[in-house]
């Protein structure tokens, strides 16, 4: 996919507000989707560096926590989806070392999406791990699109 598609996703999926009620509603949507489709994934919502929601589906492994942490770090640092950042790196022929980042702390793979609030900016990340990186990314976009009616 092109970088333009990622930019459009990020511009379309901006929240009017992201309080605890919204966090819970979106978290519940993820939990319901994960359970109904028996997905072996974990999902985390992190706001200002603090975990506010976490759910792990049947078959998810403890290793997914590390992937979630590392993908979230990419999204929070660069204020774009981890898939968007991955595609930017590929387009420029660069890697994590070009940004003085360690693979133990950052994972430029799909599956983390910025929580951006209109008039405020990026305040956190929603991150999924357990499927392919494209499927992780698409799960987030699908749930957020359903929530926003987009």
C-alpha atoms as a PDB file:
ATOM      1  CA  UNK A   1       0.000   0.000   0.000  1.00  0.00           C
ATOM      2  CA  UNK A   2       1.093   3.534  -0.512  1.00  0.00           C
ATOM      3  CA  UNK A   3       2.007   6.008   2.172  1.00  0.00           C
ATOM      4  CA  UNK A   4      -0.987   8.052   1.024  1.00  0.00           C
ATOM      5  CA  UNK A   5      -3.344   5.271   2.169  1.00  0.00           C
ATOM      6  CA  UNK A   6      -1.799   5.286   5.653  1.00  0.00           C
ATOM      7  CA  UNK A   7      -2.037   9.074   5.828  1.00  0.00           C
ATOM      8  CA  UNK A   8      -5.705   8.924   4.799  1.00  0.00           C
ATOM      9  CA  UNK A   9      -6.448   6.277   7.456  1.00  0.00           C
ATOM     10  CA  UNK A  10      -4.821   8.418  10.131  1.00  0.00           C
ATOM     11  CA  UNK A  11      -6.648  11.566   9.022  1.00  0.00           C
ATOM     12  CA  UNK A  12     -10.003   9.763   8.882  1.00  0.00           C
ATOM     13  CA  UNK A  13      -9.736   8.019  12.265  1.00  0.00           C
ATOM     14  CA  UNK A  14      -9.446  11.013  14.590  1.00  0.00           C
ATOM     15  CA  UNK A  15     -11.465  11.104  17.801  1.00  0.00           C
ATOM     16  CA  UNK A  16     -13.611  13.979  18.995  1.00  0.00           C
ATOM     17  CA  UNK A  17     -12.770  12.888  22.561  1.00  0.00           C
ATOM     18  CA  UNK A  18     -11.039   9.917  24.163  1.00  0.00           C
ATOM     19  CA  UNK A  19     -12.196   9.697  27.761  1.00  0.00           C
ATOM     20  CA  UNK A  20     -12.640   6.548  29.881  1.00  0.00           C
ATOM     21  CA  UNK A  21     -16.075   5.834  28.392  1.00  0.00           C
ATOM     22  CA  UNK A  22     -14.611   5.838  24.870  1.00  0.00           C
ATOM     23  CA  UNK A  23     -11.656   3.733  26.002  1.00  0.00           C
ATOM     24  CA  UNK A  24     -13.995   1.141  27.467  1.00  0.00           C
ATOM     25  CA  UNK A  25     -16.327   1.097  24.470  1.00  0.00           C
ATOM     26  CA  UNK A  26     -13.487   0.626  21.983  1.00  0.00           C
ATOM     27  CA  UNK A  27     -11.796  -1.940  24.223  1.00  0.00           C
ATOM     28  CA  UNK A  28     -15.051  -3.886  24.424  1.00  0.00           C
ATOM     29  CA  UNK A  29     -15.389  -3.763  20.630  1.00  0.00           C
ATOM     30  CA  UNK A  30     -11.917  -5.283  20.301  1.00  0.00           C
ATOM     31  CA  UNK A  31     -12.656  -7.939  22.934  1.00  0.00           C
ATOM     32  CA  UNK A  32     -15.926  -8.882  21.222  1.00  0.00           C
ATOM     33  CA  UNK A  33     -14.264  -9.100  17.787  1.00  0.00           C
ATOM     34  CA  UNK A  34     -11.362 -11.148  19.166  1.00  0.00           C
ATOM     35  CA  UNK A  35     -13.698 -13.567  20.950  1.00  0.00           C
ATOM     36  CA  UNK A  36     -16.273 -13.892  18.168  1.00  0.00           C
ATOM     37  CA  UNK A  37     -13.579 -14.619  15.573  1.00  0.00           C
ATOM     38  CA  UNK A  38     -11.441 -16.688  17.992  1.00  0.00           C
ATOM     39  CA  UNK A  39      -8.398 -14.562  17.180  1.00  0.00           C
ATOM     40  CA  UNK A  40      -5.177 -15.449  19.038  1.00  0.00           C
ATOM     41  CA  UNK A  41      -4.313 -11.800  19.604  1.00  0.00           C
ATOM     42  CA  UNK A  42      -3.755  -9.339  22.394  1.00  0.00           C
ATOM     43  CA  UNK A  43      -4.801  -5.681  22.269  1.00  0.00           C
ATOM     44  CA  UNK A  44      -3.678  -2.752  24.367  1.00  0.00           C
ATOM     45  CA  UNK A  45      -4.827   0.859  24.571  1.00  0.00           C
ATOM     46  CA  UNK A  46      -2.114   3.106  25.980  1.00  0.00           C
ATOM     47  CA  UNK A  47      -2.694   6.798  26.734  1.00  0.00           C
ATOM     48  CA  UNK A  48       0.172   9.099  27.700  1.00  0.00           C
ATOM     49  CA  UNK A  49       2.361   6.052  28.329  1.00  0.00           C
ATOM     50  CA  UNK A  50      -0.190   4.428  30.652  1.00  0.00           C
ATOM     51  CA  UNK A  51      -2.056   1.226  29.840  1.00  0.00           C
ATOM     52  CA  UNK A  52      -5.791   1.898  30.078  1.00  0.00           C
ATOM     53  CA  UNK A  53      -7.076  -1.307  28.448  1.00  0.00           C
ATOM     54  CA  UNK A  54      -5.685  -4.761  27.744  1.00  0.00           C
ATOM     55  CA  UNK A  55      -7.338  -7.913  26.451  1.00  0.00           C
ATOM     56  CA  UNK A  56      -5.786 -11.200  25.433  1.00  0.00           C
ATOM     57  CA  UNK A  57      -7.708 -13.684  23.300  1.00  0.00           C
ATOM     58  CA  UNK A  58      -7.538 -17.472  23.581  1.00  0.00           C
ATOM     59  CA  UNK A  59      -4.290 -18.641  22.017  1.00  0.00           C
ATOM     60  CA  UNK A  60      -2.444 -15.360  22.499  1.00  0.00           C
ATOM     61  CA  UNK A  61       1.043 -15.819  23.916  1.00  0.00           C
ATOM     62  CA  UNK A  62       3.062 -13.905  26.472  1.00  0.00           C
ATOM     63  CA  UNK A  63       5.502 -12.940  23.686  1.00  0.00           C
ATOM     64  CA  UNK A  64       2.839 -10.652  22.250  1.00  0.00           C
ATOM     65  CA  UNK A  65       3.267  -8.281  25.181  1.00  0.00           C
ATOM     66  CA  UNK A  66       6.810  -7.481  23.978  1.00  0.00           C
ATOM     67  CA  UNK A  67       5.585  -6.868  20.427  1.00  0.00           C
ATOM     68  CA  UNK A  68       2.821  -4.596  21.718  1.00  0.00           C
ATOM     69  CA  UNK A  69       5.264  -2.554  23.807  1.00  0.00           C
ATOM     70  CA  UNK A  70       7.724  -2.149  20.928  1.00  0.00           C
ATOM     71  CA  UNK A  71       5.103  -1.307  18.265  1.00  0.00           C
ATOM     72  CA  UNK A  72       3.412   1.171  20.635  1.00  0.00           C
ATOM     73  CA  UNK A  73       6.768   2.884  21.173  1.00  0.00           C
ATOM     74  CA  UNK A  74       7.029   3.479  17.408  1.00  0.00           C
ATOM     75  CA  UNK A  75       3.520   4.941  17.200  1.00  0.00           C
ATOM     76  CA  UNK A  76       3.943   7.189  20.217  1.00  0.00           C
ATOM     77  CA  UNK A  77       7.365   8.459  19.158  1.00  0.00           C
ATOM     78  CA  UNK A  78       6.553   9.142  15.496  1.00  0.00           C
ATOM     79  CA  UNK A  79       2.812   9.902  15.914  1.00  0.00           C
ATOM     80  CA  UNK A  80       1.783   7.619  13.071  1.00  0.00           C
ATOM     81  CA  UNK A  81       0.809   3.979  12.735  1.00  0.00           C
ATOM     82  CA  UNK A  82       3.647   1.508  13.040  1.00  0.00           C
ATOM     83  CA  UNK A  83       2.710   0.274   9.529  1.00  0.00           C
ATOM     84  CA  UNK A  84       3.017   3.831   8.219  1.00  0.00           C
ATOM     85  CA  UNK A  85       6.440   4.183   9.826  1.00  0.00           C
ATOM     86  CA  UNK A  86       7.516   0.795   8.421  1.00  0.00           C
ATOM     87  CA  UNK A  87       6.521   1.887   4.921  1.00  0.00           C
ATOM     88  CA  UNK A  88       8.315   5.245   5.362  1.00  0.00           C
ATOM     89  CA  UNK A  89      11.499   3.395   6.356  1.00  0.00           C
ATOM     90  CA  UNK A  90      11.225   1.115   3.328  1.00  0.00           C
ATOM     91  CA  UNK A  91      10.578   4.034   0.959  1.00  0.00           C
ATOM     92  CA  UNK A  92      13.675   5.835   2.241  1.00  0.00           C
ATOM     93  CA  UNK A  93      15.811   2.680   2.406  1.00  0.00           C
ATOM     94  CA  UNK A  94      16.409   3.258   6.119  1.00  0.00           C
ATOM     95  CA  UNK A  95      16.257   1.207   9.289  1.00  0.00           C
ATOM     96  CA  UNK A  96      15.934   1.713  13.032  1.00  0.00           C
ATOM     97  CA  UNK A  97      19.654   2.405  13.371  1.00  0.00           C
ATOM     98  CA  UNK A  98      19.250   5.512  11.196  1.00  0.00           C
ATOM     99  CA  UNK A  99      17.140   6.934  14.047  1.00  0.00           C
ATOM    100  CA  UNK A 100      19.448   5.595  16.792  1.00  0.00           C
ATOM    101  CA  UNK A 101      16.705   3.205  17.913  1.00  0.00           C
ATOM    102  CA  UNK A 102      17.147  -0.307  19.283  1.00  0.00           C
ATOM    103  CA  UNK A 103      15.077  -3.274  18.076  1.00  0.00           C
ATOM    104  CA  UNK A 104      14.622  -4.279  21.711  1.00  0.00           C
ATOM    105  CA  UNK A 105      12.578  -1.105  22.250  1.00  0.00           C
ATOM    106  CA  UNK A 106      11.041  -0.384  18.844  1.00  0.00           C
ATOM    107  CA  UNK A 107       9.335  -2.616  16.266  1.00  0.00           C
ATOM    108  CA  UNK A 108       8.504  -0.986  12.918  1.00  0.00           C
ATOM    109  CA  UNK A 109       5.849  -3.534  11.968  1.00  0.00           C
ATOM    110  CA  UNK A 110       2.125  -3.134  11.445  1.00  0.00           C
ATOM    111  CA  UNK A 111      -0.195  -3.347  14.419  1.00  0.00           C
ATOM    112  CA  UNK A 112      -0.123  -0.058  16.303  1.00  0.00           C
ATOM    113  CA  UNK A 113      -2.288   2.960  15.490  1.00  0.00           C
ATOM    114  CA  UNK A 114      -2.225   6.467  16.960  1.00  0.00           C
ATOM    115  CA  UNK A 115      -4.970   7.720  19.230  1.00  0.00           C
ATOM    116  CA  UNK A 116      -5.355  11.230  17.895  1.00  0.00           C
ATOM    117  CA  UNK A 117      -7.884  13.668  19.335  1.00  0.00           C
ATOM    118  CA  UNK A 118      -9.177  16.603  17.290  1.00  0.00           C
ATOM    119  CA  UNK A 119      -7.649  19.854  18.518  1.00  0.00           C
ATOM    120  CA  UNK A 120      -5.263  18.010  20.860  1.00  0.00           C
ATOM    121  CA  UNK A 121      -3.035  15.721  18.805  1.00  0.00           C
ATOM    122  CA  UNK A 122      -1.710  12.218  19.350  1.00  0.00           C
ATOM    123  CA  UNK A 123      -2.152  11.083  22.957  1.00  0.00           C
ATOM    124  CA  UNK A 124      -1.448   7.360  22.744  1.00  0.00           C
ATOM    125  CA  UNK A 125      -1.679   4.144  20.763  1.00  0.00           C
ATOM    126  CA  UNK A 126      -3.960   1.190  20.159  1.00  0.00           C
ATOM    127  CA  UNK A 127      -1.851  -1.871  19.492  1.00  0.00           C
ATOM    128  CA  UNK A 128      -2.634  -5.423  18.396  1.00  0.00           C
ATOM    129  CA  UNK A 129      -0.305  -8.405  18.130  1.00  0.00           C
ATOM    130  CA  UNK A 130      -0.847 -12.014  17.136  1.00  0.00           C
ATOM    131  CA  UNK A 131      -1.661 -12.073  13.428  1.00  0.00           C
ATOM    132  CA  UNK A 132       0.441 -10.990  10.458  1.00  0.00           C
ATOM    133  CA  UNK A 133       1.480  -7.363  10.689  1.00  0.00           C
ATOM    134  CA  UNK A 134      -0.981  -6.386   7.942  1.00  0.00           C
ATOM    135  CA  UNK A 135      -3.830  -8.272   9.660  1.00  0.00           C
ATOM    136  CA  UNK A 136      -2.959  -6.625  12.997  1.00  0.00           C
ATOM    137  CA  UNK A 137      -3.099  -3.214  11.308  1.00  0.00           C
ATOM    138  CA  UNK A 138      -6.319  -3.986   9.450  1.00  0.00           C
ATOM    139  CA  UNK A 139      -8.010  -5.223  12.641  1.00  0.00           C
ATOM    140  CA  UNK A 140      -7.380  -1.872  14.295  1.00  0.00           C
ATOM    141  CA  UNK A 141      -8.544   0.128  11.272  1.00  0.00           C
ATOM    142  CA  UNK A 142     -11.648  -2.060  11.000  1.00  0.00           C
ATOM    143  CA  UNK A 143     -12.658  -1.657  14.653  1.00  0.00           C
ATOM    144  CA  UNK A 144     -11.981   2.096  14.689  1.00  0.00           C
ATOM    145  CA  UNK A 145     -13.871   2.542  11.404  1.00  0.00           C
ATOM    146  CA  UNK A 146     -16.841   0.656  12.866  1.00  0.00           C
ATOM    147  CA  UNK A 147     -16.716   2.772  16.030  1.00  0.00           C
ATOM    148  CA  UNK A 148     -16.608   6.021  14.067  1.00  0.00           C
ATOM    149  CA  UNK A 149     -19.053   4.907  11.404  1.00  0.00           C
ATOM    150  CA  UNK A 150     -16.399   5.603   8.771  1.00  0.00           C
END
